[in-house]
C-alpha atoms as a PDB file:
ATOM      1  CA  MET A   1      14.473  17.872 -36.551  1.00  0.00           C
ATOM      2  CA  GLY A   2      17.114  15.158 -36.891  1.00  0.00           C
ATOM      3  CA  LYS A   3      16.978  11.726 -35.430  1.00  0.00           C
ATOM      4  CA  SER A   4      16.958  11.720 -31.648  1.00  0.00           C
ATOM      5  CA  GLN A   5      20.085  10.621 -29.944  1.00  0.00           C
ATOM      6  CA  ILE A   6      18.342   9.692 -26.749  1.00  0.00           C
ATOM      7  CA  GLN A   7      18.657   6.022 -25.958  1.00  0.00           C
ATOM      8  CA  ASN A   8      15.172   4.452 -26.128  1.00  0.00           C
ATOM      9  CA  SER A   9      15.022   2.223 -23.063  1.00  0.00           C
ATOM     10  CA  THR A  10      11.661   0.458 -23.149  1.00  0.00           C
ATOM     11  CA  PHE A  11      10.021  -1.331 -20.307  1.00  0.00           C
ATOM     12  CA  MET A  12       7.421  -3.924 -21.142  1.00  0.00           C
ATOM     13  CA  LEU A  13       4.797  -4.200 -18.453  1.00  0.00           C
ATOM     14  CA  ALA A  14       3.381  -7.652 -17.675  1.00  0.00           C
ATOM     15  CA  SER A  15      -0.342  -8.014 -18.162  1.00  0.00           C
ATOM     16  CA  SER A  16      -2.367  -5.998 -15.650  1.00  0.00           C
ATOM     17  CA  ALA A  17      -4.758  -7.742 -13.209  1.00  0.00           C
ATOM     18  CA  SER A  18      -7.610  -5.623 -14.586  1.00  0.00           C
ATOM     19  CA  ASP A  19      -8.832  -4.300 -17.930  1.00  0.00           C
ATOM     20  CA  ALA A  20      -7.089  -0.972 -17.195  1.00  0.00           C
ATOM     21  CA  ILE A  21      -3.521  -0.020 -16.540  1.00  0.00           C
ATOM     22  CA  ARG A  22      -3.432   1.450 -13.052  1.00  0.00           C
ATOM     23  CA  LEU A  23      -0.979   4.131 -12.122  1.00  0.00           C
ATOM     24  CA  VAL A  24      -0.135   6.119  -9.012  1.00  0.00           C
ATOM     25  CA  GLN A  25       1.656   9.456  -9.303  1.00  0.00           C
ATOM     26  CA  ILE A  26       3.713  10.697  -6.358  1.00  0.00           C
ATOM     27  CA  THR A  27       5.439  13.995  -6.978  1.00  0.00           C
ATOM     28  CA  ASP A  28       7.490  16.846  -5.470  1.00  0.00           C
ATOM     29  CA  SER A  29       8.561  15.075  -2.299  1.00  0.00           C
ATOM     30  CA  HIS A  30      11.495  17.443  -1.700  1.00  0.00           C
ATOM     31  CA  ILE A  31      13.436  15.067   0.592  1.00  0.00           C
ATOM     32  CA  PHE A  32      16.425  16.502   2.435  1.00  0.00           C
ATOM     33  CA  SER A  33      19.737  14.752   3.332  1.00  0.00           C
ATOM     34  CA  GLN A  34      18.834  15.021   7.013  1.00  0.00           C
ATOM     35  CA  PRO A  35      15.814  13.283   8.560  1.00  0.00           C
ATOM     36  CA  GLU A  36      14.762  16.559  10.252  1.00  0.00           C
ATOM     37  CA  GLY A  37      14.689  18.427   6.931  1.00  0.00           C
ATOM     38  CA  CYS A  38      11.571  20.593   6.543  1.00  0.00           C
ATOM     39  CA  LEU A  39      10.079  22.603   3.625  1.00  0.00           C
ATOM     40  CA  LEU A  40       8.114  25.554   4.917  1.00  0.00           C
ATOM     41  CA  GLY A  41       8.208  23.986   8.333  1.00  0.00           C
ATOM     42  CA  LEU A  42       6.821  20.626   7.119  1.00  0.00           C
ATOM     43  CA  ASN A  43       8.978  17.482   7.497  1.00  0.00           C
ATOM     44  CA  THR A  44       9.064  16.083   4.020  1.00  0.00           C
ATOM     45  CA  ARG A  45      10.147  12.573   5.085  1.00  0.00           C
ATOM     46  CA  GLU A  46       7.143  12.300   7.388  1.00  0.00           C
ATOM     47  CA  SER A  47       4.682  13.558   4.816  1.00  0.00           C
ATOM     48  CA  LEU A  48       6.037  11.121   2.171  1.00  0.00           C
ATOM     49  CA  SER A  49       5.725   8.272   4.664  1.00  0.00           C
ATOM     50  CA  ALA A  50       2.122   9.239   5.292  1.00  0.00           C
ATOM     51  CA  VAL A  51       1.368   9.286   1.501  1.00  0.00           C
ATOM     52  CA  CYS A  52       2.991   5.886   0.974  1.00  0.00           C
ATOM     53  CA  LYS A  53       1.086   4.450   3.816  1.00  0.00           C
ATOM     54  CA  ARG A  54      -2.170   5.791   2.256  1.00  0.00           C
ATOM     55  CA  VAL A  55      -1.308   4.198  -1.098  1.00  0.00           C
ATOM     56  CA  LYS A  56      -0.890   0.890   0.560  1.00  0.00           C
ATOM     57  CA  LEU A  57      -4.422   1.081   1.885  1.00  0.00           C
ATOM     58  CA  GLU A  58      -5.963   1.474  -1.516  1.00  0.00           C
ATOM     59  CA  GLU A  59      -8.519  -1.158  -2.505  1.00  0.00           C
ATOM     60  CA  TRP A  60      -6.492  -2.028  -5.595  1.00  0.00           C
ATOM     61  CA  ARG A  61      -2.761  -2.209  -6.293  1.00  0.00           C
ATOM     62  CA  PRO A  62      -1.232  -0.055  -8.947  1.00  0.00           C
ATOM     63  CA  ASP A  63       0.710  -1.513 -11.866  1.00  0.00           C
ATOM     64  CA  ILE A  64       3.104   1.482 -12.059  1.00  0.00           C
ATOM     65  CA  LEU A  65       4.291   4.227  -9.808  1.00  0.00           C
ATOM     66  CA  LEU A  66       5.431   7.477 -11.475  1.00  0.00           C
ATOM     67  CA  ALA A  67       7.638   9.797  -9.449  1.00  0.00           C
ATOM     68  CA  THR A  68       7.437  13.042 -11.338  1.00  0.00           C
ATOM     69  CA  GLY A  69      10.344  15.153 -10.134  1.00  0.00           C
ATOM     70  CA  ASP A  70      11.708  17.300  -7.405  1.00  0.00           C
ATOM     71  CA  LEU A  71      12.243  13.990  -5.664  1.00  0.00           C
ATOM     72  CA  SER A  72      14.995  15.658  -3.553  1.00  0.00           C
ATOM     73  CA  GLN A  73      15.263  19.192  -2.246  1.00  0.00           C
ATOM     74  CA  ASP A  74      19.093  19.121  -2.170  1.00  0.00           C
ATOM     75  CA  SER A  75      20.135  16.368  -4.737  1.00  0.00           C
ATOM     76  CA  SER A  76      21.939  14.550  -1.902  1.00  0.00           C
ATOM     77  CA  PRO A  77      22.765  10.802  -1.992  1.00  0.00           C
ATOM     78  CA  GLU A  78      21.028  10.467   1.312  1.00  0.00           C
ATOM     79  CA  SER A  79      17.729  11.955   0.070  1.00  0.00           C
ATOM     80  CA  TYR A  80      17.615   9.578  -2.916  1.00  0.00           C
ATOM     81  CA  GLN A  81      18.570   6.631  -0.805  1.00  0.00           C
ATOM     82  CA  HIS A  82      15.717   7.352   1.585  1.00  0.00           C
ATOM     83  CA  LEU A  83      13.314   7.804  -1.315  1.00  0.00           C
ATOM     84  CA  ALA A  84      14.437   4.427  -2.794  1.00  0.00           C
ATOM     85  CA  GLU A  85      13.811   2.794   0.603  1.00  0.00           C
ATOM     86  CA  GLN A  86      10.462   4.452   1.181  1.00  0.00           C
ATOM     87  CA  ILE A  87       8.968   3.975  -2.244  1.00  0.00           C
ATOM     88  CA  GLY A  88      10.591   0.567  -2.692  1.00  0.00           C
ATOM     89  CA  GLU A  89       8.445  -0.740   0.226  1.00  0.00           C
ATOM     90  CA  LEU A  90       5.427  -0.329  -2.026  1.00  0.00           C
ATOM     91  CA  GLU A  91       6.832  -3.075  -4.332  1.00  0.00           C
ATOM     92  CA  VAL A  92       5.433  -1.348  -7.420  1.00  0.00           C
ATOM     93  CA  ASP A  93       7.387  -0.934 -10.723  1.00  0.00           C
ATOM     94  CA  THR A  94       8.535   2.712 -10.342  1.00  0.00           C
ATOM     95  CA  PHE A  95       9.732   5.157 -12.956  1.00  0.00           C
ATOM     96  CA  TRP A  96      10.924   8.769 -12.542  1.00  0.00           C
ATOM     97  CA  VAL A  97      11.599  12.017 -14.270  1.00  0.00           C
ATOM     98  CA  ALA A  98      13.928  14.777 -12.889  1.00  0.00           C
ATOM     99  CA  GLY A  99      12.715  18.072 -11.563  1.00  0.00           C
ATOM    100  CA  ASN A 100      14.468  21.394 -11.138  1.00  0.00           C
ATOM    101  CA  HIS A 101      15.650  20.393  -7.657  1.00  0.00           C
ATOM    102  CA  ASP A 102      17.142  17.113  -8.853  1.00  0.00           C
ATOM    103  CA  ASP A 103      20.510  16.114 -10.372  1.00  0.00           C
ATOM    104  CA  PRO A 104      19.630  13.437 -12.890  1.00  0.00           C
ATOM    105  CA  THR A 105      23.028  11.858 -12.548  1.00  0.00           C
ATOM    106  CA  SER A 106      22.674  11.574  -8.783  1.00  0.00           C
ATOM    107  CA  VAL A 107      19.158  10.209  -9.190  1.00  0.00           C
ATOM    108  CA  GLU A 108      20.479   7.419 -11.365  1.00  0.00           C
ATOM    109  CA  GLN A 109      23.339   6.637  -8.986  1.00  0.00           C
ATOM    110  CA  HIS A 110      21.445   6.684  -5.753  1.00  0.00           C
ATOM    111  CA  PHE A 111      17.688   6.273  -6.493  1.00  0.00           C
ATOM    112  CA  THR A 112      18.048   2.496  -6.598  1.00  0.00           C
ATOM    113  CA  HIS A 113      15.845  -0.496  -5.693  1.00  0.00           C
ATOM    114  CA  SER A 114      14.952  -3.722  -7.425  1.00  0.00           C
ATOM    115  CA  LYS A 115      11.550  -2.144  -8.336  1.00  0.00           C
ATOM    116  CA  ILE A 116      12.891   1.285  -9.526  1.00  0.00           C
ATOM    117  CA  PHE A 117      13.730   1.495 -13.135  1.00  0.00           C
ATOM    118  CA  HIS A 118      15.472   4.142 -15.302  1.00  0.00           C
ATOM    119  CA  GLN A 119      13.499   3.407 -18.525  1.00  0.00           C
ATOM    120  CA  ASN A 120      12.046   6.395 -20.359  1.00  0.00           C
ATOM    121  CA  HIS A 121       9.439   4.493 -22.238  1.00  0.00           C
ATOM    122  CA  ILE A 122       6.822   2.017 -21.002  1.00  0.00           C
ATOM    123  CA  LEU A 123       4.628  -0.299 -23.128  1.00  0.00           C
ATOM    124  CA  ALA A 124       1.576  -1.441 -21.236  1.00  0.00           C
ATOM    125  CA  GLY A 125      -1.341  -3.118 -23.055  1.00  0.00           C
ATOM    126  CA  ASP A 126      -2.968  -0.680 -25.494  1.00  0.00           C
ATOM    127  CA  TRP A 127      -0.933   2.227 -24.006  1.00  0.00           C
ATOM    128  CA  GLN A 128       2.575   3.694 -24.152  1.00  0.00           C
ATOM    129  CA  ILE A 129       4.024   6.082 -21.602  1.00  0.00           C
ATOM    130  CA  ILE A 130       6.676   8.515 -22.696  1.00  0.00           C
ATOM    131  CA  LEU A 131       8.879  10.027 -19.935  1.00  0.00           C
ATOM    132  CA  LEU A 132      10.547  13.342 -20.847  1.00  0.00           C
ATOM    133  CA  ASP A 133      13.351  15.287 -19.017  1.00  0.00           C
ATOM    134  CA  SER A 134      12.307  19.009 -18.812  1.00  0.00           C
ATOM    135  CA  SER A 135      14.934  19.794 -16.134  1.00  0.00           C
ATOM    136  CA  LEU A 136      17.609  22.425 -16.825  1.00  0.00           C
ATOM    137  CA  LYS A 137      20.789  22.590 -14.679  1.00  0.00           C
ATOM    138  CA  ASP A 138      20.654  25.534 -12.211  1.00  0.00           C
ATOM    139  CA  GLU A 139      17.244  26.700 -13.501  1.00  0.00           C
ATOM    140  CA  VAL A 140      13.866  26.610 -11.958  1.00  0.00           C
ATOM    141  CA  HIS A 141      11.892  26.717 -15.215  1.00  0.00           C
ATOM    142  CA  GLY A 142      11.734  23.732 -17.613  1.00  0.00           C
ATOM    143  CA  HIS A 143      12.769  23.253 -21.259  1.00  0.00           C
ATOM    144  CA  LEU A 144      12.552  20.331 -23.791  1.00  0.00           C
ATOM    145  CA  ASN A 145      15.464  20.310 -26.125  1.00  0.00           C
ATOM    146  CA  GLU A 146      15.404  19.062 -29.727  1.00  0.00           C
ATOM    147  CA  ARG A 147      16.552  15.634 -28.675  1.00  0.00           C
ATOM    148  CA  GLN A 148      13.640  15.199 -26.221  1.00  0.00           C
ATOM    149  CA  LEU A 149      11.126  16.533 -28.799  1.00  0.00           C
ATOM    150  CA  GLN A 150      12.488  14.220 -31.484  1.00  0.00           C
ATOM    151  CA  PHE A 151      12.456  11.241 -29.028  1.00  0.00           C
ATOM    152  CA  MET A 152       8.744  11.928 -28.330  1.00  0.00           C
ATOM    153  CA  THR A 153       7.974  12.311 -32.074  1.00  0.00           C
ATOM    154  CA  GLU A 154       9.619   9.068 -33.011  1.00  0.00           C
ATOM    155  CA  LEU A 155       7.836   7.011 -30.434  1.00  0.00           C
ATOM    156  CA  LEU A 156       4.474   8.550 -31.342  1.00  0.00           C
ATOM    157  CA  ALA A 157       5.025   7.522 -34.972  1.00  0.00           C
ATOM    158  CA  GLU A 158       6.415   4.086 -34.171  1.00  0.00           C
ATOM    159  CA  TYR A 159       3.617   3.259 -31.802  1.00  0.00           C
ATOM    160  CA  SER A 160       0.792   5.142 -33.570  1.00  0.00           C
ATOM    161  CA  ASP A 161      -1.558   2.290 -32.588  1.00  0.00           C
ATOM    162  CA  LYS A 162      -1.012   2.916 -28.851  1.00  0.00           C
ATOM    163  CA  HIS A 163      -2.789   5.407 -26.749  1.00  0.00           C
ATOM    164  CA  THR A 164      -0.165   7.668 -25.218  1.00  0.00           C
ATOM    165  CA  LEU A 165       0.463   9.354 -21.838  1.00  0.00           C
ATOM    166  CA  ILE A 166       3.291  11.827 -21.779  1.00  0.00           C
ATOM    167  CA  VAL A 167       4.985  12.576 -18.497  1.00  0.00           C
ATOM    168  CA  LEU A 168       7.374  15.367 -17.510  1.00  0.00           C
ATOM    169  CA  HIS A 169       8.069  17.533 -14.428  1.00  0.00           C
ATOM    170  CA  HIS A 170       7.242  21.176 -15.589  1.00  0.00           C
ATOM    171  CA  HIS A 171       3.717  22.290 -16.554  1.00  0.00           C
ATOM    172  CA  PRO A 172       3.574  22.788 -20.352  1.00  0.00           C
ATOM    173  CA  ILE A 173       0.475  24.997 -20.290  1.00  0.00           C
ATOM    174  CA  ASP A 174      -0.550  27.932 -18.139  1.00  0.00           C
ATOM    175  CA  ILE A 175      -2.488  26.972 -14.965  1.00  0.00           C
ATOM    176  CA  GLY A 176      -3.743  30.423 -13.980  1.00  0.00           C
ATOM    177  CA  CYS A 177      -1.106  30.860 -11.241  1.00  0.00           C
ATOM    178  CA  ALA A 178       1.017  33.793 -12.374  1.00  0.00           C
ATOM    179  CA  TRP A 179       4.261  33.177 -10.333  1.00  0.00           C
ATOM    180  CA  LEU A 180       4.201  29.428 -11.278  1.00  0.00           C
ATOM    181  CA  ASP A 181       3.428  30.073 -14.969  1.00  0.00           C
ATOM    182  CA  ASN A 182       6.588  32.114 -15.115  1.00  0.00           C
ATOM    183  CA  ILE A 183       8.633  28.987 -14.186  1.00  0.00           C
ATOM    184  CA  GLY A 184       6.823  26.386 -16.204  1.00  0.00           C
ATOM    185  CA  LEU A 185       7.907  24.846 -19.549  1.00  0.00           C
ATOM    186  CA  ARG A 186       9.543  27.574 -21.546  1.00  0.00           C
ATOM    187  CA  GLU A 187       9.367  27.698 -25.311  1.00  0.00           C
ATOM    188  CA  ASN A 188       6.492  25.232 -25.058  1.00  0.00           C
ATOM    189  CA  GLN A 189       4.949  25.615 -28.558  1.00  0.00           C
ATOM    190  CA  PRO A 190       6.886  22.880 -30.330  1.00  0.00           C
ATOM    191  CA  PHE A 191       5.708  20.423 -27.585  1.00  0.00           C
ATOM    192  CA  LEU A 192       2.126  21.595 -27.923  1.00  0.00           C
ATOM    193  CA  ASP A 193       2.316  21.294 -31.748  1.00  0.00           C
ATOM    194  CA  ILE A 194       3.487  17.708 -31.464  1.00  0.00           C
ATOM    195  CA  VAL A 195       0.741  16.878 -29.003  1.00  0.00           C
ATOM    196  CA  LYS A 196      -1.917  18.475 -31.274  1.00  0.00           C
ATOM    197  CA  LYS A 197      -0.552  16.696 -34.393  1.00  0.00           C
ATOM    198  CA  ASN A 198      -0.606  13.195 -32.908  1.00  0.00           C
ATOM    199  CA  LYS A 199      -4.126  12.044 -32.171  1.00  0.00           C
ATOM    200  CA  ASN A 200      -2.863   9.070 -30.113  1.00  0.00           C
ATOM    201  CA  VAL A 201      -1.806  11.398 -27.332  1.00  0.00           C
ATOM    202  CA  LYS A 202      -4.577  11.044 -24.740  1.00  0.00           C
ATOM    203  CA  GLY A 203      -2.978  12.639 -21.647  1.00  0.00           C
ATOM    204  CA  VAL A 204      -0.154  14.752 -20.441  1.00  0.00           C
ATOM    205  CA  LEU A 205       0.881  14.493 -16.720  1.00  0.00           C
ATOM    206  CA  TRP A 206       3.220  16.642 -14.650  1.00  0.00           C
ATOM    207  CA  GLY A 207       4.290  17.749 -11.092  1.00  0.00           C
ATOM    208  CA  HIS A 208       5.974  20.981 -10.200  1.00  0.00           C
ATOM    209  CA  ILE A 209       2.949  23.012  -9.279  1.00  0.00           C
ATOM    210  CA  HIS A 210       2.095  21.418  -5.939  1.00  0.00           C
ATOM    211  CA  GLN A 211      -1.679  21.436  -6.634  1.00  0.00           C
ATOM    212  CA  GLU A 212      -4.374  19.521  -8.392  1.00  0.00           C
ATOM    213  CA  PHE A 213      -5.026  20.392 -12.028  1.00  0.00           C
ATOM    214  CA  ASP A 214      -7.351  18.534 -14.451  1.00  0.00           C
ATOM    215  CA  GLN A 215      -8.479  19.955 -17.791  1.00  0.00           C
ATOM    216  CA  MET A 216      -9.658  18.628 -21.062  1.00  0.00           C
ATOM    217  CA  ILE A 217      -8.313  20.507 -24.064  1.00  0.00           C
ATOM    218  CA  GLY A 218      -9.746  18.924 -27.287  1.00  0.00           C
ATOM    219  CA  ASP A 219      -9.280  15.165 -26.802  1.00  0.00           C
ATOM    220  CA  VAL A 220      -6.224  15.431 -24.486  1.00  0.00           C
ATOM    221  CA  ARG A 221      -6.504  15.334 -20.676  1.00  0.00           C
ATOM    222  CA  TRP A 222      -3.984  17.658 -18.938  1.00  0.00           C
ATOM    223  CA  LEU A 223      -3.212  16.565 -15.349  1.00  0.00           C
ATOM    224  CA  ALA A 224      -1.028  17.581 -12.393  1.00  0.00           C
ATOM    225  CA  SER A 225      -1.164  16.336  -8.799  1.00  0.00           C
ATOM    226  CA  PRO A 226      -0.650  17.571  -5.274  1.00  0.00           C
ATOM    227  CA  SER A 227       2.759  17.398  -3.759  1.00  0.00           C
ATOM    228  CA  SER A 228       3.532  14.723  -1.181  1.00  0.00           C
ATOM    229  CA  CYS A 229       4.539  17.609   1.044  1.00  0.00           C
ATOM    230  CA  VAL A 230       3.571  21.397   0.884  1.00  0.00           C
ATOM    231  CA  GLN A 231       0.749  22.606  -1.334  1.00  0.00           C
ATOM    232  CA  PHE A 232       0.622  25.824  -3.383  1.00  0.00           C
ATOM    233  CA  ALA A 233      -2.458  27.961  -3.458  1.00  0.00           C
ATOM    234  CA  PRO A 234      -4.312  27.759  -6.884  1.00  0.00           C
ATOM    235  CA  GLY A 235      -4.838  31.084  -8.635  1.00  0.00           C
ATOM    236  CA  SER A 236      -2.245  32.965  -6.578  1.00  0.00           C
ATOM    237  CA  SER A 237      -0.316  35.759  -8.373  1.00  0.00           C
ATOM    238  CA  GLU A 238       2.580  35.558  -5.912  1.00  0.00           C
ATOM    239  CA  PHE A 239       4.066  32.695  -3.955  1.00  0.00           C
ATOM    240  CA  SER A 240       1.468  31.322  -1.510  1.00  0.00           C
ATOM    241  CA  ALA A 241       1.221  28.067   0.329  1.00  0.00           C
ATOM    242  CA  ASP A 242      -2.130  26.299   0.543  1.00  0.00           C
ATOM    243  CA  THR A 243      -3.720  24.775   3.604  1.00  0.00           C
ATOM    244  CA  LYS A 244      -4.623  21.437   1.898  1.00  0.00           C
ATOM    245  CA  ALA A 245      -3.004  18.173   2.934  1.00  0.00           C
ATOM    246  CA  PRO A 246      -0.328  16.266   1.012  1.00  0.00           C
ATOM    247  CA  GLY A 247      -1.632  13.993  -1.620  1.00  0.00           C
ATOM    248  CA  TYR A 248      -1.155  11.900  -4.714  1.00  0.00           C
ATOM    249  CA  ARG A 249      -3.053  10.871  -7.790  1.00  0.00           C
ATOM    250  CA  TYR A 250      -4.535   7.536  -9.010  1.00  0.00           C
ATOM    251  CA  ILE A 251      -4.992   7.001 -12.707  1.00  0.00           C
ATOM    252  CA  GLU A 252      -6.657   4.263 -14.733  1.00  0.00           C
ATOM    253  CA  LEU A 253      -5.687   4.096 -18.394  1.00  0.00           C
ATOM    254  CA  LEU A 254      -8.581   2.310 -20.043  1.00  0.00           C
ATOM    255  CA  ASP A 255      -8.227   0.193 -23.297  1.00  0.00           C
ATOM    256  CA  ASN A 256     -10.525   2.534 -25.167  1.00  0.00           C
ATOM    257  CA  GLY A 257      -8.182   5.457 -24.630  1.00  0.00           C
ATOM    258  CA  CYS A 258     -10.032   7.093 -21.835  1.00  0.00           C
ATOM    259  CA  ILE A 259      -8.508   8.183 -18.536  1.00  0.00           C
ATOM    260  CA  GLU A 260     -10.086   7.892 -15.174  1.00  0.00           C
ATOM    261  CA  THR A 261      -8.441   9.539 -12.235  1.00  0.00           C
ATOM    262  CA  ARG A 262      -8.833  10.908  -8.730  1.00  0.00           C
ATOM    263  CA  VAL A 263      -6.790  12.641  -6.142  1.00  0.00           C
ATOM    264  CA  ASN A 264      -6.404  11.391  -2.629  1.00  0.00           C
ATOM    265  CA  ARG A 265      -5.009  13.365   0.341  1.00  0.00           C
ATOM    266  CA  VAL A 266      -3.720  12.267   3.738  1.00  0.00           C
ATOM    267  CA  ASP A 267      -6.061  14.701   5.598  1.00  0.00           C
ATOM    268  CA  ASN A 268      -6.325  12.410   8.601  1.00  0.00           C
ATOM    269  CA  ILE A 269      -2.937  13.572   9.902  1.00  0.00           C
ATOM    270  CA  ASP A 270      -1.993  16.986  11.206  1.00  0.00           C
ATOM    271  CA  PHE A 271       0.984  18.673   9.387  1.00  0.00           C
ATOM    272  CA  THR A 272       2.562  21.999  10.403  1.00  0.00           C
ATOM    273  CA  VAL A 273       3.264  24.429   7.597  1.00  0.00           C
ATOM    274  CA  ASP A 274       4.857  27.924   8.100  1.00  0.00           C
ATOM    275  CA  TYR A 275       2.640  30.092   5.963  1.00  0.00           C
ATOM    276  CA  SER A 276       4.778  33.131   6.590  1.00  0.00           C
ATOM    277  CA  VAL A 277       7.483  31.828   4.271  1.00  0.00           C
ATOM    278  CA  LYS A 278       7.311  33.431   0.882  1.00  0.00           C
ATOM    279  CA  GLY A 279       9.482  31.147  -1.259  1.00  0.00           C
ATOM    280  CA  TYR A 280      11.094  27.715  -1.437  1.00  0.00           C
END
């Protein structure tokens, strides 16, 4: 690999109010340009609003919000503007990665708020967070090109004294859901090799799969979170929506390199999902 040509834009997080770095992950909101826009019969603006309200009720305030792709369903300016307004109300430093439904250029142009940042690298206490773009134009599956892999490699070497969380949209390992595993991160071995080689990688976090995933492989914790809208059924061989409520993930990055996390769902609100739909 040659030297990465990706601009390293680092955000320095001010000291946390606790001994841990506290994150919240909101993912796969699939917002439409029109307020009445629905995914599988569920109004995605309403479900995102319910998730954000639930985050506000948490007993402690996050230091960082990670929006991990498929922010919009249609890449429209209106969808990103709505997202910026909705998430901006949380007043939490927010960082994003693009998903397969997103146009990264449109995200940068319209996903704006004083608390939303475009940096792809965060330094926070004893941790660094590396945000990678796994999106491919006009493709559902993901890919990390050589520039992304080299960018990751350089930061892991430069900050070898930092515990590391890597964030992307597509799942880099199989999750036991055949139809989803077909549209995960393609040609994933170079990524997995880098993770294995660098012992400072403590966690990998993604979206895309619309379900909870939490697995330790060696010393690395592999995590994914429920969508803020429709859920997909774990273990399904073909497309299948789940009956679980929209949700999000809380994460604590401890100074000893450990990760503590939980998933919360807005199961106190009724949502209508059309389970007869066989795709999205």
